[in-house]
Amino acid sequence: MKDEQARDEAREPKPLHVLRGMTDDELVTADDAVIAAPGLVGQDYYLAELARRAADRQTTTMVRLTWVIAALTVVNVVAVVYSIA
């Protein structure tokens, strides 16, 4: 009975704020329920949210690394100017 209720809930489209509020584990569980009993929501619904989150984490990491590279470039320029002077 509980599995049927979870499948029914997973098949219904969720508002964006609810989808974004779910944890990764909840999204995987909902995706598994959709696979077990296809309905209104396709499998891509939850997988797309997981992919968006992965891309967001990757973008955040890339921005941090870009700032690190910029800082190291400034340090390198200062070291070169100091060594020439």
C-alpha atoms as a PDB file:
ATOM      1  CA  MET A   1       0.000   0.000   0.000  1.00  0.00           C
ATOM      2  CA  LYS A   2       2.792   2.432   0.897  1.00  0.00           C
ATOM      3  CA  ASP A   3       4.655   1.580  -2.335  1.00  0.00           C
ATOM      4  CA  GLU A   4       1.522   2.271  -4.387  1.00  0.00           C
ATOM      5  CA  GLN A   5       1.074   5.630  -2.692  1.00  0.00           C
ATOM      6  CA  ALA A   6       4.735   6.529  -3.357  1.00  0.00           C
ATOM      7  CA  ARG A   7       4.347   5.538  -7.015  1.00  0.00           C
ATOM      8  CA  ASP A   8       1.170   7.587  -7.344  1.00  0.00           C
ATOM      9  CA  GLU A   9       2.862  10.630  -5.815  1.00  0.00           C
ATOM     10  CA  ALA A  10       5.935  10.202  -8.036  1.00  0.00           C
ATOM     11  CA  ARG A  11       3.796  10.078 -11.191  1.00  0.00           C
ATOM     12  CA  GLU A  12       2.198  13.455 -10.516  1.00  0.00           C
ATOM     13  CA  PRO A  13       4.138  16.481 -11.768  1.00  0.00           C
ATOM     14  CA  LYS A  14       5.458  18.601  -8.920  1.00  0.00           C
ATOM     15  CA  PRO A  15       5.792  22.378  -8.811  1.00  0.00           C
ATOM     16  CA  LEU A  16       9.328  23.641  -9.334  1.00  0.00           C
ATOM     17  CA  HIS A  17       9.763  24.800  -5.724  1.00  0.00           C
ATOM     18  CA  VAL A  18       8.832  21.318  -4.464  1.00  0.00           C
ATOM     19  CA  LEU A  19      11.168  19.646  -6.942  1.00  0.00           C
ATOM     20  CA  ARG A  20      14.059  21.923  -5.969  1.00  0.00           C
ATOM     21  CA  GLY A  21      13.339  21.273  -2.282  1.00  0.00           C
ATOM     22  CA  MET A  22      13.745  17.514  -2.644  1.00  0.00           C
ATOM     23  CA  THR A  23      17.056  15.910  -1.733  1.00  0.00           C
ATOM     24  CA  ASP A  24      19.011  13.935  -4.305  1.00  0.00           C
ATOM     25  CA  ASP A  25      17.986  10.696  -2.569  1.00  0.00           C
ATOM     26  CA  GLU A  26      14.316  11.689  -2.726  1.00  0.00           C
ATOM     27  CA  LEU A  27      14.660  12.418  -6.443  1.00  0.00           C
ATOM     28  CA  VAL A  28      16.276   9.021  -7.054  1.00  0.00           C
ATOM     29  CA  THR A  29      13.513   7.298  -5.074  1.00  0.00           C
ATOM     30  CA  ALA A  30      10.832   9.157  -7.031  1.00  0.00           C
ATOM     31  CA  ASP A  31      12.573   8.281 -10.299  1.00  0.00           C
ATOM     32  CA  ASP A  32      12.683   4.610  -9.299  1.00  0.00           C
ATOM     33  CA  ALA A  33       8.954   4.735  -8.552  1.00  0.00           C
ATOM     34  CA  VAL A  34       8.256   6.221 -11.979  1.00  0.00           C
ATOM     35  CA  ILE A  35      10.276   3.487 -13.663  1.00  0.00           C
ATOM     36  CA  ALA A  36       8.354   0.845 -11.713  1.00  0.00           C
ATOM     37  CA  ALA A  37       4.975   2.269 -12.756  1.00  0.00           C
ATOM     38  CA  PRO A  38       5.071   4.769 -15.632  1.00  0.00           C
ATOM     39  CA  GLY A  39       2.406   7.431 -15.569  1.00  0.00           C
ATOM     40  CA  LEU A  40       1.994  11.128 -16.203  1.00  0.00           C
ATOM     41  CA  VAL A  41       5.581  12.082 -15.430  1.00  0.00           C
ATOM     42  CA  GLY A  42       8.333  10.599 -17.563  1.00  0.00           C
ATOM     43  CA  GLN A  43      11.640   9.355 -16.299  1.00  0.00           C
ATOM     44  CA  ASP A  44      13.411  12.450 -17.614  1.00  0.00           C
ATOM     45  CA  TYR A  45      11.499  14.655 -15.173  1.00  0.00           C
ATOM     46  CA  TYR A  46      13.595  13.597 -12.181  1.00  0.00           C
ATOM     47  CA  LEU A  47      16.773  12.817 -14.108  1.00  0.00           C
ATOM     48  CA  ALA A  48      16.757  16.323 -15.568  1.00  0.00           C
ATOM     49  CA  GLU A  49      16.624  17.804 -12.070  1.00  0.00           C
ATOM     50  CA  LEU A  50      19.539  15.604 -10.980  1.00  0.00           C
ATOM     51  CA  ALA A  51      21.491  16.678 -14.078  1.00  0.00           C
ATOM     52  CA  ARG A  52      20.713  20.343 -13.363  1.00  0.00           C
ATOM     53  CA  ARG A  53      22.012  19.970  -9.821  1.00  0.00           C
ATOM     54  CA  ALA A  54      25.185  18.251 -11.033  1.00  0.00           C
ATOM     55  CA  ALA A  55      25.750  21.042 -13.577  1.00  0.00           C
ATOM     56  CA  ASP A  56      25.164  23.652 -10.868  1.00  0.00           C
ATOM     57  CA  ARG A  57      27.755  22.014  -8.602  1.00  0.00           C
ATOM     58  CA  GLN A  58      30.201  21.813 -11.506  1.00  0.00           C
ATOM     59  CA  THR A  59      29.669  25.485 -12.384  1.00  0.00           C
ATOM     60  CA  THR A  60      30.265  26.523  -8.778  1.00  0.00           C
ATOM     61  CA  THR A  61      33.489  24.522  -8.697  1.00  0.00           C
ATOM     62  CA  MET A  62      34.657  26.008 -11.996  1.00  0.00           C
ATOM     63  CA  VAL A  63      34.026  29.563 -10.784  1.00  0.00           C
ATOM     64  CA  ARG A  64      36.036  28.899  -7.618  1.00  0.00           C
ATOM     65  CA  LEU A  65      38.900  27.420  -9.622  1.00  0.00           C
ATOM     66  CA  THR A  66      38.832  30.401 -11.990  1.00  0.00           C
ATOM     67  CA  TRP A  67      39.301  32.748  -9.034  1.00  0.00           C
ATOM     68  CA  VAL A  68      42.182  30.615  -7.768  1.00  0.00           C
ATOM     69  CA  ILE A  69      43.838  30.772 -11.200  1.00  0.00           C
ATOM     70  CA  ALA A  70      43.337  34.549 -11.306  1.00  0.00           C
ATOM     71  CA  ALA A  71      44.903  34.956  -7.871  1.00  0.00           C
ATOM     72  CA  LEU A  72      47.870  32.777  -8.797  1.00  0.00           C
ATOM     73  CA  THR A  73      48.342  34.783 -11.995  1.00  0.00           C
ATOM     74  CA  VAL A  74      48.537  37.982  -9.960  1.00  0.00           C
ATOM     75  CA  VAL A  75      51.079  36.363  -7.618  1.00  0.00           C
ATOM     76  CA  ASN A  76      53.109  35.236 -10.638  1.00  0.00           C
ATOM     77  CA  VAL A  77      53.083  38.741 -12.173  1.00  0.00           C
ATOM     78  CA  VAL A  78      54.227  40.247  -8.875  1.00  0.00           C
ATOM     79  CA  ALA A  79      57.012  37.657  -8.595  1.00  0.00           C
ATOM     80  CA  VAL A  80      58.209  38.348 -12.146  1.00  0.00           C
ATOM     81  CA  VAL A  81      58.169  42.129 -11.636  1.00  0.00           C
ATOM     82  CA  TYR A  82      60.050  41.718  -8.342  1.00  0.00           C
ATOM     83  CA  SER A  83      62.671  39.449  -9.922  1.00  0.00           C
ATOM     84  CA  ILE A  84      63.259  41.893 -12.810  1.00  0.00           C
ATOM     85  CA  ALA A  85      63.593  44.926 -10.532  1.00  0.00           C
END
